[in-house]
Amino acid sequence: MHFVKEGKGTLTIEGHTFHIHKNQCFIVPAGEVSLYAADKKDPWKYSWIGFLGIESSRKT
């Protein structure tokens, strides 16, 4: 899970591109191919946390 504290950028996952900005968060599920990048003019600063556990990859 990533939380954007400043700036903006893009996230591309499963063929969809999302424009992410300050005060938004996004999740990159384990095993998913993704690309995320900071904006060149207003780069983001973000914090992230990862989760790991027996049930963490389970989809319900």
PDB file of N, CA and C in Angstrom:
ATOM      1  N   MET A   1       0.848  -1.158   0.000  1.00  0.00           N
ATOM      2  CA  MET A   1       0.000   0.000   0.000  1.00  0.00           C
ATOM      3  C   MET A   1       0.906   1.237   0.000  1.00  0.00           C
ATOM      4  N   HIS A   2       0.646   2.154  -0.903  1.00  0.00           N
ATOM      5  CA  HIS A   2       1.415   3.388  -1.036  1.00  0.00           C
ATOM      6  C   HIS A   2       0.494   4.573  -0.738  1.00  0.00           C
ATOM      7  N   PHE A   3       0.980   5.533   0.050  1.00  0.00           N
ATOM      8  CA  PHE A   3       0.231   6.752   0.343  1.00  0.00           C
ATOM      9  C   PHE A   3       1.042   7.936  -0.156  1.00  0.00           C
ATOM     10  N   VAL A   4       0.454   8.731  -1.060  1.00  0.00           N
ATOM     11  CA  VAL A   4       1.146   9.879  -1.657  1.00  0.00           C
ATOM     12  C   VAL A   4       0.991  11.092  -0.745  1.00  0.00           C
ATOM     13  N   LYS A   5       2.127  11.590  -0.268  1.00  0.00           N
ATOM     14  CA  LYS A   5       2.142  12.730   0.657  1.00  0.00           C
ATOM     15  C   LYS A   5       2.277  14.062  -0.077  1.00  0.00           C
ATOM     16  N   GLU A   6       2.940  14.043  -1.226  1.00  0.00           N
ATOM     17  CA  GLU A   6       3.142  15.254  -2.031  1.00  0.00           C
ATOM     18  C   GLU A   6       3.260  14.852  -3.493  1.00  0.00           C
ATOM     19  N   GLY A   7       2.956  15.786  -4.395  1.00  0.00           N
ATOM     20  CA  GLY A   7       3.164  15.567  -5.819  1.00  0.00           C
ATOM     21  C   GLY A   7       2.145  14.649  -6.469  1.00  0.00           C
ATOM     22  N   LYS A   8       2.562  14.074  -7.601  1.00  0.00           N
ATOM     23  CA  LYS A   8       1.663  13.207  -8.357  1.00  0.00           C
ATOM     24  C   LYS A   8       2.469  12.256  -9.228  1.00  0.00           C
ATOM     25  N   GLY A   9       1.767  11.280  -9.824  1.00  0.00           N
ATOM     26  CA  GLY A   9       2.399  10.297 -10.687  1.00  0.00           C
ATOM     27  C   GLY A   9       1.348   9.432 -11.341  1.00  0.00           C
ATOM     28  N   THR A  10       1.795   8.336 -11.955  1.00  0.00           N
ATOM     29  CA  THR A  10       0.872   7.424 -12.611  1.00  0.00           C
ATOM     30  C   THR A  10       1.138   5.990 -12.159  1.00  0.00           C
ATOM     31  N   LEU A  11       0.084   5.200 -12.187  1.00  0.00           N
ATOM     32  CA  LEU A  11       0.136   3.772 -11.910  1.00  0.00           C
ATOM     33  C   LEU A  11      -0.512   3.065 -13.089  1.00  0.00           C
ATOM     34  N   THR A  12       0.197   2.102 -13.681  1.00  0.00           N
ATOM     35  CA  THR A  12      -0.371   1.285 -14.746  1.00  0.00           C
ATOM     36  C   THR A  12      -0.383  -0.154 -14.258  1.00  0.00           C
ATOM     37  N   ILE A  13      -1.580  -0.736 -14.259  1.00  0.00           N
ATOM     38  CA  ILE A  13      -1.767  -2.108 -13.796  1.00  0.00           C
ATOM     39  C   ILE A  13      -2.902  -2.738 -14.593  1.00  0.00           C
ATOM     40  N   GLU A  14      -2.697  -3.954 -15.053  1.00  0.00           N
ATOM     41  CA  GLU A  14      -3.684  -4.686 -15.862  1.00  0.00           C
ATOM     42  C   GLU A  14      -4.180  -3.868 -17.050  1.00  0.00           C
ATOM     43  N   GLY A  15      -3.264  -3.113 -17.685  1.00  0.00           N
ATOM     44  CA  GLY A  15      -3.612  -2.343 -18.871  1.00  0.00           C
ATOM     45  C   GLY A  15      -4.343  -1.043 -18.619  1.00  0.00           C
ATOM     46  N   HIS A  16      -4.550  -0.681 -17.366  1.00  0.00           N
ATOM     47  CA  HIS A  16      -5.235   0.562 -17.016  1.00  0.00           C
ATOM     48  C   HIS A  16      -4.240   1.516 -16.372  1.00  0.00           C
ATOM     49  N   THR A  17      -4.286   2.791 -16.766  1.00  0.00           N
ATOM     50  CA  THR A  17      -3.418   3.804 -16.191  1.00  0.00           C
ATOM     51  C   THR A  17      -4.233   4.731 -15.309  1.00  0.00           C
ATOM     52  N   PHE A  18      -3.739   4.958 -14.105  1.00  0.00           N
ATOM     53  CA  PHE A  18      -4.405   5.813 -13.130  1.00  0.00           C
ATOM     54  C   PHE A  18      -3.485   6.981 -12.787  1.00  0.00           C
ATOM     55  N   HIS A  19      -4.051   8.162 -12.678  1.00  0.00           N
ATOM     56  CA  HIS A  19      -3.303   9.351 -12.287  1.00  0.00           C
ATOM     57  C   HIS A  19      -3.510   9.529 -10.782  1.00  0.00           C
ATOM     58  N   ILE A  20      -2.426   9.440 -10.050  1.00  0.00           N
ATOM     59  CA  ILE A  20      -2.459   9.466  -8.589  1.00  0.00           C
ATOM     60  C   ILE A  20      -1.868  10.790  -8.121  1.00  0.00           C
ATOM     61  N   HIS A  21      -2.461  11.371  -7.077  1.00  0.00           N
ATOM     62  CA  HIS A  21      -1.954  12.650  -6.569  1.00  0.00           C
ATOM     63  C   HIS A  21      -1.975  12.672  -5.042  1.00  0.00           C
ATOM     64  N   LYS A  22      -1.531  13.789  -4.495  1.00  0.00           N
ATOM     65  CA  LYS A  22      -1.428  13.985  -3.053  1.00  0.00           C
ATOM     66  C   LYS A  22      -2.706  13.536  -2.331  1.00  0.00           C
ATOM     67  N   ASN A  23      -2.509  12.865  -1.206  1.00  0.00           N
ATOM     68  CA  ASN A  23      -3.586  12.378  -0.327  1.00  0.00           C
ATOM     69  C   ASN A  23      -4.363  11.200  -0.898  1.00  0.00           C
ATOM     70  N   GLN A  24      -3.838  10.550  -1.922  1.00  0.00           N
ATOM     71  CA  GLN A  24      -4.442   9.314  -2.416  1.00  0.00           C
ATOM     72  C   GLN A  24      -3.520   8.153  -2.071  1.00  0.00           C
ATOM     73  N   CYS A  25      -4.095   6.964  -2.044  1.00  0.00           N
ATOM     74  CA  CYS A  25      -3.275   5.779  -1.846  1.00  0.00           C
ATOM     75  C   CYS A  25      -3.578   4.781  -2.953  1.00  0.00           C
ATOM     76  N   PHE A  26      -2.640   3.859  -3.167  1.00  0.00           N
ATOM     77  CA  PHE A  26      -2.850   2.802  -4.147  1.00  0.00           C
ATOM     78  C   PHE A  26      -2.180   1.535  -3.659  1.00  0.00           C
ATOM     79  N   ILE A  27      -2.699   0.417  -4.147  1.00  0.00           N
ATOM     80  CA  ILE A  27      -2.214  -0.899  -3.752  1.00  0.00           C
ATOM     81  C   ILE A  27      -1.722  -1.628  -4.999  1.00  0.00           C
ATOM     82  N   VAL A  28      -0.566  -2.249  -4.884  1.00  0.00           N
ATOM     83  CA  VAL A  28      -0.059  -3.121  -5.934  1.00  0.00           C
ATOM     84  C   VAL A  28      -0.102  -4.537  -5.370  1.00  0.00           C
ATOM     85  N   PRO A  29      -1.077  -5.342  -5.793  1.00  0.00           N
ATOM     86  CA  PRO A  29      -1.189  -6.705  -5.262  1.00  0.00           C
ATOM     87  C   PRO A  29       0.040  -7.548  -5.597  1.00  0.00           C
ATOM     88  N   ALA A  30       0.406  -8.438  -4.687  1.00  0.00           N
ATOM     89  CA  ALA A  30       1.535  -9.340  -4.904  1.00  0.00           C
ATOM     90  C   ALA A  30       1.301 -10.151  -6.179  1.00  0.00           C
ATOM     91  N   GLY A  31       2.332 -10.297  -6.972  1.00  0.00           N
ATOM     92  CA  GLY A  31       2.235 -11.102  -8.180  1.00  0.00           C
ATOM     93  C   GLY A  31       1.681 -10.372  -9.393  1.00  0.00           C
ATOM     94  N   GLU A  32       1.217  -9.134  -9.227  1.00  0.00           N
ATOM     95  CA  GLU A  32       0.690  -8.360 -10.360  1.00  0.00           C
ATOM     96  C   GLU A  32       1.820  -7.582 -11.012  1.00  0.00           C
ATOM     97  N   VAL A  33       1.816  -7.544 -12.342  1.00  0.00           N
ATOM     98  CA  VAL A  33       2.777  -6.737 -13.070  1.00  0.00           C
ATOM     99  C   VAL A  33       2.246  -5.311 -13.104  1.00  0.00           C
ATOM    100  N   SER A  34       3.064  -4.373 -12.665  1.00  0.00           N
ATOM    101  CA  SER A  34       2.628  -2.981 -12.621  1.00  0.00           C
ATOM    102  C   SER A  34       3.810  -2.068 -12.895  1.00  0.00           C
ATOM    103  N   LEU A  35       3.495  -0.835 -13.220  1.00  0.00           N
ATOM    104  CA  LEU A  35       4.504   0.195 -13.417  1.00  0.00           C
ATOM    105  C   LEU A  35       3.976   1.457 -12.765  1.00  0.00           C
ATOM    106  N   TYR A  36       4.769   2.052 -11.899  1.00  0.00           N
ATOM    107  CA  TYR A  36       4.370   3.335 -11.361  1.00  0.00           C
ATOM    108  C   TYR A  36       5.548   4.284 -11.396  1.00  0.00           C
ATOM    109  N   ALA A  37       5.247   5.569 -11.675  1.00  0.00           N
ATOM    110  CA  ALA A  37       6.299   6.553 -11.882  1.00  0.00           C
ATOM    111  C   ALA A  37       5.841   7.927 -11.418  1.00  0.00           C
ATOM    112  N   ALA A  38       6.800   8.678 -10.884  1.00  0.00           N
ATOM    113  CA  ALA A  38       6.529  10.050 -10.452  1.00  0.00           C
ATOM    114  C   ALA A  38       6.405  10.976 -11.660  1.00  0.00           C
ATOM    115  N   ASP A  39       5.609  12.011 -11.522  1.00  0.00           N
ATOM    116  CA  ASP A  39       5.488  13.059 -12.530  1.00  0.00           C
ATOM    117  C   ASP A  39       6.826  13.799 -12.628  1.00  0.00           C
ATOM    118  N   LYS A  40       7.242  14.170 -13.828  1.00  0.00           N
ATOM    119  CA  LYS A  40       8.534  14.843 -14.002  1.00  0.00           C
ATOM    120  C   LYS A  40       8.533  16.269 -13.456  1.00  0.00           C
ATOM    121  N   LYS A  41       7.399  16.960 -13.537  1.00  0.00           N
ATOM    122  CA  LYS A  41       7.326  18.353 -13.075  1.00  0.00           C
ATOM    123  C   LYS A  41       6.946  18.465 -11.607  1.00  0.00           C
ATOM    124  N   ASP A  42       6.164  17.526 -11.111  1.00  0.00           N
ATOM    125  CA  ASP A  42       5.697  17.554  -9.716  1.00  0.00           C
ATOM    126  C   ASP A  42       5.827  16.150  -9.128  1.00  0.00           C
ATOM    127  N   PRO A  43       7.076  15.686  -8.909  1.00  0.00           N
ATOM    128  CA  PRO A  43       7.274  14.307  -8.453  1.00  0.00           C
ATOM    129  C   PRO A  43       6.678  14.057  -7.076  1.00  0.00           C
ATOM    130  N   TRP A  44       6.193  12.853  -6.896  1.00  0.00           N
ATOM    131  CA  TRP A  44       5.574  12.515  -5.618  1.00  0.00           C
ATOM    132  C   TRP A  44       6.593  12.118  -4.568  1.00  0.00           C
ATOM    133  N   LYS A  45       6.143  12.248  -3.349  1.00  0.00           N
ATOM    134  CA  LYS A  45       6.821  11.670  -2.195  1.00  0.00           C
ATOM    135  C   LYS A  45       5.774  10.781  -1.558  1.00  0.00           C
ATOM    136  N   TYR A  46       6.123   9.544  -1.286  1.00  0.00           N
ATOM    137  CA  TYR A  46       5.141   8.627  -0.740  1.00  0.00           C
ATOM    138  C   TYR A  46       5.752   7.757   0.340  1.00  0.00           C
ATOM    139  N   SER A  47       4.877   7.194   1.134  1.00  0.00           N
ATOM    140  CA  SER A  47       5.245   6.186   2.124  1.00  0.00           C
ATOM    141  C   SER A  47       4.560   4.903   1.716  1.00  0.00           C
ATOM    142  N   TRP A  48       5.148   3.767   2.050  1.00  0.00           N
ATOM    143  CA  TRP A  48       4.515   2.498   1.711  1.00  0.00           C
ATOM    144  C   TRP A  48       4.711   1.501   2.836  1.00  0.00           C
ATOM    145  N   ILE A  49       3.817   0.545   2.829  1.00  0.00           N
ATOM    146  CA  ILE A  49       3.881  -0.550   3.789  1.00  0.00           C
ATOM    147  C   ILE A  49       3.500  -1.824   3.038  1.00  0.00           C
ATOM    148  N   GLY A  50       4.185  -2.903   3.341  1.00  0.00           N
ATOM    149  CA  GLY A  50       3.882  -4.184   2.711  1.00  0.00           C
ATOM    150  C   GLY A  50       3.343  -5.160   3.745  1.00  0.00           C
ATOM    151  N   PHE A  51       2.524  -6.076   3.296  1.00  0.00           N
ATOM    152  CA  PHE A  51       1.932  -7.087   4.164  1.00  0.00           C
ATOM    153  C   PHE A  51       2.362  -8.463   3.679  1.00  0.00           C
ATOM    154  N   LEU A  52       2.680  -9.328   4.597  1.00  0.00           N
ATOM    155  CA  LEU A  52       3.054 -10.681   4.273  1.00  0.00           C
ATOM    156  C   LEU A  52       2.427 -11.603   5.303  1.00  0.00           C
ATOM    157  N   GLY A  53       1.849 -12.670   4.834  1.00  0.00           N
ATOM    158  CA  GLY A  53       1.237 -13.634   5.741  1.00  0.00           C
ATOM    159  C   GLY A  53       0.606 -14.773   4.956  1.00  0.00           C
ATOM    160  N   ILE A  54       0.202 -15.787   5.651  1.00  0.00           N
ATOM    161  CA  ILE A  54      -0.376 -16.966   5.011  1.00  0.00           C
ATOM    162  C   ILE A  54      -1.567 -16.612   4.141  1.00  0.00           C
ATOM    163  N   GLU A  55      -2.414 -15.722   4.613  1.00  0.00           N
ATOM    164  CA  GLU A  55      -3.639 -15.377   3.893  1.00  0.00           C
ATOM    165  C   GLU A  55      -3.513 -14.063   3.119  1.00  0.00           C
ATOM    166  N   SER A  56      -2.344 -13.429   3.072  1.00  0.00           N
ATOM    167  CA  SER A  56      -2.234 -12.098   2.481  1.00  0.00           C
ATOM    168  C   SER A  56      -2.490 -12.073   0.976  1.00  0.00           C
ATOM    169  N   SER A  57      -2.260 -13.156   0.264  1.00  0.00           N
ATOM    170  CA  SER A  57      -2.498 -13.174  -1.178  1.00  0.00           C
ATOM    171  C   SER A  57      -3.841 -13.771  -1.563  1.00  0.00           C
ATOM    172  N   ARG A  58      -4.617 -14.186  -0.583  1.00  0.00           N
ATOM    173  CA  ARG A  58      -5.898 -14.822  -0.857  1.00  0.00           C
ATOM    174  C   ARG A  58      -6.897 -13.803  -1.396  1.00  0.00           C
ATOM    175  N   LYS A  59      -7.572 -14.154  -2.479  1.00  0.00           N
ATOM    176  CA  LYS A  59      -8.615 -13.310  -3.057  1.00  0.00           C
ATOM    177  C   LYS A  59      -9.953 -13.903  -2.673  1.00  0.00           C
ATOM    178  N   THR A  60     -10.820 -13.070  -2.121  1.00  0.00           N
ATOM    179  CA  THR A  60     -12.138 -13.567  -1.728  1.00  0.00           C
ATOM    180  C   THR A  60     -13.216 -12.942  -2.539  1.00  0.00           C
TER     181      THR A  60
END
